């Protein structure tokens, strides 16, 4: 049953990706685990069009898989990079990728594929400016499906296909899948906190906020210039 669910999600994802502006897609890239990602060119930037799903750093070292709340908290105490699937359902990873704490994002061994990087706060700001700024950008960046009913229409026209993957709080609990997509930046705010971007099913805003580095968020990568 789990396998059938994963296959259905993958087929849905293919439909979404091909149902948007095909001309926007650039090429595919492959991470160290062999996962293949579509990419999309947006006004001089090239972004992944899917959430990161890698379980090893660029040098081949494994990223800690923290399943239980105790394991998640232990990784945080040690400031150790960690990942999980939403509610530990591996089938969801086919579409939504993995959730990572910021220690994985910031690890010097590299979370992004070679030639790519975790986007900085400035990279996300530049992306938003292409679509009228933070008040309107999410309507253009969201995937055309998987989001719960929205107060504003989702165009899905850019091919960025942002997904509402939810997040894992530092206490190990999961929230907001289907409602919110939360994406790390590589930029620190203050000690223990880093900037992220948040899209909600309720509006077209691309929120900028800071959150605890121990939380688990989705990751999109951008090509190094």
C-alpha atoms as a PDB file:
ATOM      1  CA  UNK A   1       0.000   0.000   0.000  1.00  0.00           C
ATOM      2  CA  UNK A   2       2.850   2.393   0.879  1.00  0.00           C
ATOM      3  CA  UNK A   3       4.538   1.608  -2.434  1.00  0.00           C
ATOM      4  CA  UNK A   4       1.345   2.358  -4.375  1.00  0.00           C
ATOM      5  CA  UNK A   5       1.000   5.659  -2.506  1.00  0.00           C
ATOM      6  CA  UNK A   6       4.568   6.647  -3.387  1.00  0.00           C
ATOM      7  CA  UNK A   7       4.032   5.806  -7.054  1.00  0.00           C
ATOM      8  CA  UNK A   8       0.822   7.863  -7.128  1.00  0.00           C
ATOM      9  CA  UNK A   9       2.611  10.859  -5.617  1.00  0.00           C
ATOM     10  CA  UNK A  10       5.409  10.551  -8.171  1.00  0.00           C
ATOM     11  CA  UNK A  11       2.926  10.454 -11.044  1.00  0.00           C
ATOM     12  CA  UNK A  12       1.131  13.487  -9.660  1.00  0.00           C
ATOM     13  CA  UNK A  13       4.433  15.324  -9.410  1.00  0.00           C
ATOM     14  CA  UNK A  14       5.218  14.535 -13.029  1.00  0.00           C
ATOM     15  CA  UNK A  15       1.829  15.897 -14.044  1.00  0.00           C
ATOM     16  CA  UNK A  16       2.452  19.116 -12.149  1.00  0.00           C
ATOM     17  CA  UNK A  17       5.918  19.615 -13.540  1.00  0.00           C
ATOM     18  CA  UNK A  18       4.815  19.089 -17.112  1.00  0.00           C
ATOM     19  CA  UNK A  19       1.634  21.086 -16.641  1.00  0.00           C
ATOM     20  CA  UNK A  20       3.528  24.308 -15.970  1.00  0.00           C
ATOM     21  CA  UNK A  21       5.590  26.443 -18.330  1.00  0.00           C
ATOM     22  CA  UNK A  22       7.831  23.837 -19.967  1.00  0.00           C
ATOM     23  CA  UNK A  23       9.951  26.532 -21.624  1.00  0.00           C
ATOM     24  CA  UNK A  24      11.165  27.652 -18.196  1.00  0.00           C
ATOM     25  CA  UNK A  25      12.945  24.378 -17.411  1.00  0.00           C
ATOM     26  CA  UNK A  26      16.696  24.401 -17.904  1.00  0.00           C
ATOM     27  CA  UNK A  27      18.184  20.918 -17.437  1.00  0.00           C
ATOM     28  CA  UNK A  28      18.466  18.190 -14.823  1.00  0.00           C
ATOM     29  CA  UNK A  29      21.114  17.729 -12.146  1.00  0.00           C
ATOM     30  CA  UNK A  30      22.016  14.689 -10.054  1.00  0.00           C
ATOM     31  CA  UNK A  31      23.044  14.653  -6.401  1.00  0.00           C
ATOM     32  CA  UNK A  32      25.565  12.346  -4.718  1.00  0.00           C
ATOM     33  CA  UNK A  33      22.839   9.756  -4.032  1.00  0.00           C
ATOM     34  CA  UNK A  34      21.753   9.650  -7.675  1.00  0.00           C
ATOM     35  CA  UNK A  35      18.544  11.640  -7.193  1.00  0.00           C
ATOM     36  CA  UNK A  36      17.708  13.612 -10.343  1.00  0.00           C
ATOM     37  CA  UNK A  37      16.177  17.101 -10.128  1.00  0.00           C
ATOM     38  CA  UNK A  38      14.644  19.357 -12.708  1.00  0.00           C
ATOM     39  CA  UNK A  39      15.894  22.941 -12.698  1.00  0.00           C
ATOM     40  CA  UNK A  40      14.289  26.191 -13.724  1.00  0.00           C
ATOM     41  CA  UNK A  41      15.859  29.407 -14.999  1.00  0.00           C
ATOM     42  CA  UNK A  42      14.345  32.593 -13.587  1.00  0.00           C
ATOM     43  CA  UNK A  43      15.849  35.925 -14.624  1.00  0.00           C
ATOM     44  CA  UNK A  44      19.492  34.894 -14.430  1.00  0.00           C
ATOM     45  CA  UNK A  45      19.147  32.474 -11.519  1.00  0.00           C
ATOM     46  CA  UNK A  46      18.876  28.711 -11.975  1.00  0.00           C
ATOM     47  CA  UNK A  47      16.970  26.958  -9.176  1.00  0.00           C
ATOM     48  CA  UNK A  48      16.035  23.398  -8.399  1.00  0.00           C
ATOM     49  CA  UNK A  49      12.398  22.839  -9.320  1.00  0.00           C
ATOM     50  CA  UNK A  50      12.088  20.141  -6.641  1.00  0.00           C
ATOM     51  CA  UNK A  51      12.913  19.870  -2.948  1.00  0.00           C
ATOM     52  CA  UNK A  52      16.269  18.414  -1.981  1.00  0.00           C
ATOM     53  CA  UNK A  53      16.139  14.710  -1.090  1.00  0.00           C
ATOM     54  CA  UNK A  54      19.782  13.803  -0.474  1.00  0.00           C
ATOM     55  CA  UNK A  55      20.953  11.717   2.509  1.00  0.00           C
ATOM     56  CA  UNK A  56      24.719  12.214   2.121  1.00  0.00           C
ATOM     57  CA  UNK A  57      26.930  15.273   2.084  1.00  0.00           C
ATOM     58  CA  UNK A  58      28.745  16.150  -1.102  1.00  0.00           C
ATOM     59  CA  UNK A  59      31.850  14.249   0.037  1.00  0.00           C
ATOM     60  CA  UNK A  60      29.844  11.048   0.564  1.00  0.00           C
ATOM     61  CA  UNK A  61      29.560  11.192   4.360  1.00  0.00           C
ATOM     62  CA  UNK A  62      26.072  10.258   5.603  1.00  0.00           C
ATOM     63  CA  UNK A  63      23.786  12.898   7.069  1.00  0.00           C
ATOM     64  CA  UNK A  64      22.281  11.700  10.313  1.00  0.00           C
ATOM     65  CA  UNK A  65      18.771  10.277   9.892  1.00  0.00           C
ATOM     66  CA  UNK A  66      16.966  11.364  13.072  1.00  0.00           C
ATOM     67  CA  UNK A  67      13.658   9.547  13.342  1.00  0.00           C
ATOM     68  CA  UNK A  68      12.446   9.827  16.934  1.00  0.00           C
ATOM     69  CA  UNK A  69      12.018  13.084  18.879  1.00  0.00           C
ATOM     70  CA  UNK A  70      14.904  11.993  21.106  1.00  0.00           C
ATOM     71  CA  UNK A  71      17.185  11.488  18.083  1.00  0.00           C
ATOM     72  CA  UNK A  72      16.128  14.840  16.627  1.00  0.00           C
ATOM     73  CA  UNK A  73      16.853  16.599  19.934  1.00  0.00           C
ATOM     74  CA  UNK A  74      20.192  14.799  20.308  1.00  0.00           C
ATOM     75  CA  UNK A  75      21.330  16.017  16.891  1.00  0.00           C
ATOM     76  CA  UNK A  76      20.375  19.563  17.903  1.00  0.00           C
ATOM     77  CA  UNK A  77      22.293  19.379  21.171  1.00  0.00           C
ATOM     78  CA  UNK A  78      25.374  18.256  19.289  1.00  0.00           C
ATOM     79  CA  UNK A  79      24.780  20.833  16.528  1.00  0.00           C
ATOM     80  CA  UNK A  80      24.880  17.912  14.138  1.00  0.00           C
ATOM     81  CA  UNK A  81      23.210  17.928  10.742  1.00  0.00           C
ATOM     82  CA  UNK A  82      20.108  15.750  10.546  1.00  0.00           C
ATOM     83  CA  UNK A  83      17.238  14.920   8.210  1.00  0.00           C
ATOM     84  CA  UNK A  84      13.870  13.193   8.328  1.00  0.00           C
ATOM     85  CA  UNK A  85      10.731  12.713   6.256  1.00  0.00           C
ATOM     86  CA  UNK A  86       7.543  14.440   7.319  1.00  0.00           C
ATOM     87  CA  UNK A  87       6.104  12.251  10.081  1.00  0.00           C
ATOM     88  CA  UNK A  88       8.799   9.744   9.047  1.00  0.00           C
ATOM     89  CA  UNK A  89       6.780   8.578   6.040  1.00  0.00           C
ATOM     90  CA  UNK A  90       9.335   7.661   3.411  1.00  0.00           C
ATOM     91  CA  UNK A  91       6.717   7.633   0.647  1.00  0.00           C
ATOM     92  CA  UNK A  92       6.267  11.381   1.056  1.00  0.00           C
ATOM     93  CA  UNK A  93       9.914  11.911   0.153  1.00  0.00           C
ATOM     94  CA  UNK A  94       9.148  11.100  -3.496  1.00  0.00           C
ATOM     95  CA  UNK A  95       7.360  14.446  -3.799  1.00  0.00           C
ATOM     96  CA  UNK A  96       8.280  16.566  -0.787  1.00  0.00           C
ATOM     97  CA  UNK A  97      11.897  15.577  -0.290  1.00  0.00           C
ATOM     98  CA  UNK A  98      13.496  15.623   3.139  1.00  0.00           C
ATOM     99  CA  UNK A  99      13.363  18.067   6.045  1.00  0.00           C
ATOM    100  CA  UNK A 100      16.776  19.230   7.297  1.00  0.00           C
ATOM    101  CA  UNK A 101      17.936  21.127  10.340  1.00  0.00           C
ATOM    102  CA  UNK A 102      20.143  24.143   9.711  1.00  0.00           C
ATOM    103  CA  UNK A 103      23.250  22.336  10.906  1.00  0.00           C
ATOM    104  CA  UNK A 104      22.982  20.129   7.821  1.00  0.00           C
ATOM    105  CA  UNK A 105      22.442  23.220   5.665  1.00  0.00           C
ATOM    106  CA  UNK A 106      25.578  24.858   7.078  1.00  0.00           C
ATOM    107  CA  UNK A 107      27.835  21.800   7.193  1.00  0.00           C
ATOM    108  CA  UNK A 108      31.178  22.495   5.430  1.00  0.00           C
ATOM    109  CA  UNK A 109      31.007  19.090   3.699  1.00  0.00           C
ATOM    110  CA  UNK A 110      28.267  20.549   1.497  1.00  0.00           C
ATOM    111  CA  UNK A 111      24.574  19.692   1.372  1.00  0.00           C
ATOM    112  CA  UNK A 112      23.987  20.957  -2.166  1.00  0.00           C
ATOM    113  CA  UNK A 113      25.276  19.134  -5.271  1.00  0.00           C
ATOM    114  CA  UNK A 114      28.599  20.230  -6.736  1.00  0.00           C
ATOM    115  CA  UNK A 115      28.261  23.590  -8.472  1.00  0.00           C
ATOM    116  CA  UNK A 116      25.168  24.429  -6.433  1.00  0.00           C
ATOM    117  CA  UNK A 117      24.568  26.057  -3.061  1.00  0.00           C
ATOM    118  CA  UNK A 118      21.932  26.625  -0.422  1.00  0.00           C
ATOM    119  CA  UNK A 119      20.379  29.996  -1.359  1.00  0.00           C
ATOM    120  CA  UNK A 120      21.255  32.950   0.825  1.00  0.00           C
ATOM    121  CA  UNK A 121      18.733  35.414   2.174  1.00  0.00           C
ATOM    122  CA  UNK A 122      19.738  37.696  -0.700  1.00  0.00           C
ATOM    123  CA  UNK A 123      19.128  34.951  -3.294  1.00  0.00           C
ATOM    124  CA  UNK A 124      15.550  34.508  -2.054  1.00  0.00           C
ATOM    125  CA  UNK A 125      15.052  38.272  -2.027  1.00  0.00           C
ATOM    126  CA  UNK A 126      16.161  38.479  -5.668  1.00  0.00           C
ATOM    127  CA  UNK A 127      13.751  35.672  -6.581  1.00  0.00           C
ATOM    128  CA  UNK A 128      10.840  37.481  -4.924  1.00  0.00           C
ATOM    129  CA  UNK A 129      11.609  40.748  -6.705  1.00  0.00           C
ATOM    130  CA  UNK A 130      11.059  39.030 -10.056  1.00  0.00           C
ATOM    131  CA  UNK A 131       7.370  38.671  -9.144  1.00  0.00           C
ATOM    132  CA  UNK A 132       6.508  41.967  -7.521  1.00  0.00           C
ATOM    133  CA  UNK A 133       8.148  41.353  -4.158  1.00  0.00           C
ATOM    134  CA  UNK A 134       7.149  39.369  -1.099  1.00  0.00           C
ATOM    135  CA  UNK A 135       3.439  40.339  -1.261  1.00  0.00           C
ATOM    136  CA  UNK A 136       2.835  38.542  -4.556  1.00  0.00           C
ATOM    137  CA  UNK A 137       5.715  36.152  -5.266  1.00  0.00           C
ATOM    138  CA  UNK A 138       4.299  32.954  -3.760  1.00  0.00           C
ATOM    139  CA  UNK A 139       1.338  32.898  -6.164  1.00  0.00           C
ATOM    140  CA  UNK A 140       3.843  32.508  -8.991  1.00  0.00           C
ATOM    141  CA  UNK A 141       6.219  30.144  -7.216  1.00  0.00           C
ATOM    142  CA  UNK A 142       3.790  27.568  -5.803  1.00  0.00           C
ATOM    143  CA  UNK A 143       3.054  24.315  -7.575  1.00  0.00           C
ATOM    144  CA  UNK A 144      -0.386  24.235  -9.158  1.00  0.00           C
ATOM    145  CA  UNK A 145      -1.512  21.424  -6.838  1.00  0.00           C
ATOM    146  CA  UNK A 146      -0.902  19.823  -3.409  1.00  0.00           C
ATOM    147  CA  UNK A 147      -1.784  23.080  -1.635  1.00  0.00           C
ATOM    148  CA  UNK A 148      -4.974  23.301   0.387  1.00  0.00           C
ATOM    149  CA  UNK A 149      -7.565  25.836  -0.796  1.00  0.00           C
ATOM    150  CA  UNK A 150      -6.058  29.282  -1.154  1.00  0.00           C
ATOM    151  CA  UNK A 151      -7.479  32.779  -0.884  1.00  0.00           C
ATOM    152  CA  UNK A 152      -5.585  33.668  -4.062  1.00  0.00           C
ATOM    153  CA  UNK A 153      -5.231  31.617  -7.255  1.00  0.00           C
ATOM    154  CA  UNK A 154      -1.981  29.750  -7.809  1.00  0.00           C
ATOM    155  CA  UNK A 155      -0.622  30.195 -11.303  1.00  0.00           C
ATOM    156  CA  UNK A 156       2.240  27.688 -11.146  1.00  0.00           C
ATOM    157  CA  UNK A 157       3.495  29.365 -14.297  1.00  0.00           C
ATOM    158  CA  UNK A 158       7.146  29.797 -13.322  1.00  0.00           C
ATOM    159  CA  UNK A 159       7.975  26.106 -13.032  1.00  0.00           C
ATOM    160  CA  UNK A 160       9.464  26.635  -9.567  1.00  0.00           C
ATOM    161  CA  UNK A 161       6.798  24.290  -8.132  1.00  0.00           C
ATOM    162  CA  UNK A 162       7.098  25.188  -4.448  1.00  0.00           C
ATOM    163  CA  UNK A 163       5.461  22.502  -2.312  1.00  0.00           C
ATOM    164  CA  UNK A 164       3.774  22.647   1.116  1.00  0.00           C
ATOM    165  CA  UNK A 165       6.098  20.189   2.838  1.00  0.00           C
ATOM    166  CA  UNK A 166       5.475  21.463   6.370  1.00  0.00           C
ATOM    167  CA  UNK A 167       8.196  21.372   8.996  1.00  0.00           C
ATOM    168  CA  UNK A 168       9.529  19.549  12.046  1.00  0.00           C
ATOM    169  CA  UNK A 169       9.813  21.538  15.242  1.00  0.00           C
ATOM    170  CA  UNK A 170      12.822  21.231  17.533  1.00  0.00           C
ATOM    171  CA  UNK A 171      10.783  19.063  19.925  1.00  0.00           C
ATOM    172  CA  UNK A 172      10.309  16.484  17.165  1.00  0.00           C
ATOM    173  CA  UNK A 173       6.666  17.292  16.323  1.00  0.00           C
ATOM    174  CA  UNK A 174       5.466  17.869  12.740  1.00  0.00           C
ATOM    175  CA  UNK A 175       3.223  20.658  11.448  1.00  0.00           C
ATOM    176  CA  UNK A 176       1.518  22.186   8.389  1.00  0.00           C
ATOM    177  CA  UNK A 177       2.080  19.780   5.522  1.00  0.00           C
ATOM    178  CA  UNK A 178      -0.346  20.793   2.766  1.00  0.00           C
ATOM    179  CA  UNK A 179      -0.604  24.285   4.226  1.00  0.00           C
ATOM    180  CA  UNK A 180       2.916  25.743   4.385  1.00  0.00           C
ATOM    181  CA  UNK A 181       6.179  25.390   2.529  1.00  0.00           C
ATOM    182  CA  UNK A 182       9.173  26.478   4.618  1.00  0.00           C
ATOM    183  CA  UNK A 183      12.599  26.779   3.003  1.00  0.00           C
ATOM    184  CA  UNK A 184      15.979  27.383   4.624  1.00  0.00           C
ATOM    185  CA  UNK A 185      18.430  30.053   3.608  1.00  0.00           C
ATOM    186  CA  UNK A 186      22.148  29.750   4.306  1.00  0.00           C
ATOM    187  CA  UNK A 187      22.079  33.071   6.175  1.00  0.00           C
ATOM    188  CA  UNK A 188      22.365  33.263   9.962  1.00  0.00           C
ATOM    189  CA  UNK A 189      20.196  35.775  11.812  1.00  0.00           C
ATOM    190  CA  UNK A 190      21.616  35.630  15.338  1.00  0.00           C
ATOM    191  CA  UNK A 191      23.203  32.817  17.340  1.00  0.00           C
ATOM    192  CA  UNK A 192      20.930  29.778  17.132  1.00  0.00           C
ATOM    193  CA  UNK A 193      18.622  31.296  14.496  1.00  0.00           C
ATOM    194  CA  UNK A 194      18.691  31.558  10.697  1.00  0.00           C
ATOM    195  CA  UNK A 195      16.541  33.163   8.007  1.00  0.00           C
ATOM    196  CA  UNK A 196      13.980  31.169   6.061  1.00  0.00           C
ATOM    197  CA  UNK A 197      11.138  31.706   3.585  1.00  0.00           C
ATOM    198  CA  UNK A 198       7.573  30.606   4.181  1.00  0.00           C
ATOM    199  CA  UNK A 199       4.677  30.226   1.735  1.00  0.00           C
ATOM    200  CA  UNK A 200       1.143  29.636   3.008  1.00  0.00           C
ATOM    201  CA  UNK A 201      -1.955  28.211   1.357  1.00  0.00           C
ATOM    202  CA  UNK A 202      -3.864  31.265   2.633  1.00  0.00           C
ATOM    203  CA  UNK A 203      -2.210  34.019   0.590  1.00  0.00           C
ATOM    204  CA  UNK A 204       0.375  34.991  -2.014  1.00  0.00           C
ATOM    205  CA  UNK A 205       3.004  36.219   0.440  1.00  0.00           C
ATOM    206  CA  UNK A 206       6.585  34.980   0.453  1.00  0.00           C
ATOM    207  CA  UNK A 207       7.271  35.577   4.125  1.00  0.00           C
ATOM    208  CA  UNK A 208      10.794  36.252   5.408  1.00  0.00           C
ATOM    209  CA  UNK A 209      11.365  35.259   8.999  1.00  0.00           C
ATOM    210  CA  UNK A 210      13.904  33.685  11.317  1.00  0.00           C
ATOM    211  CA  UNK A 211      13.598  30.364  13.095  1.00  0.00           C
ATOM    212  CA  UNK A 212      15.511  28.046  15.391  1.00  0.00           C
ATOM    213  CA  UNK A 213      18.349  26.172  13.680  1.00  0.00           C
ATOM    214  CA  UNK A 214      17.089  22.972  15.322  1.00  0.00           C
ATOM    215  CA  UNK A 215      13.871  22.955  13.255  1.00  0.00           C
ATOM    216  CA  UNK A 216      13.525  20.814  10.126  1.00  0.00           C
ATOM    217  CA  UNK A 217      12.650  22.658   6.912  1.00  0.00           C
ATOM    218  CA  UNK A 218      12.664  21.952   3.185  1.00  0.00           C
ATOM    219  CA  UNK A 219      15.631  22.952   1.021  1.00  0.00           C
ATOM    220  CA  UNK A 220      15.862  24.284  -2.513  1.00  0.00           C
ATOM    221  CA  UNK A 221      19.273  24.829  -4.109  1.00  0.00           C
ATOM    222  CA  UNK A 222      20.405  27.520  -6.526  1.00  0.00           C
ATOM    223  CA  UNK A 223      23.242  27.277  -9.024  1.00  0.00           C
ATOM    224  CA  UNK A 224      26.470  28.981  -8.066  1.00  0.00           C
ATOM    225  CA  UNK A 225      27.204  32.006 -10.232  1.00  0.00           C
END
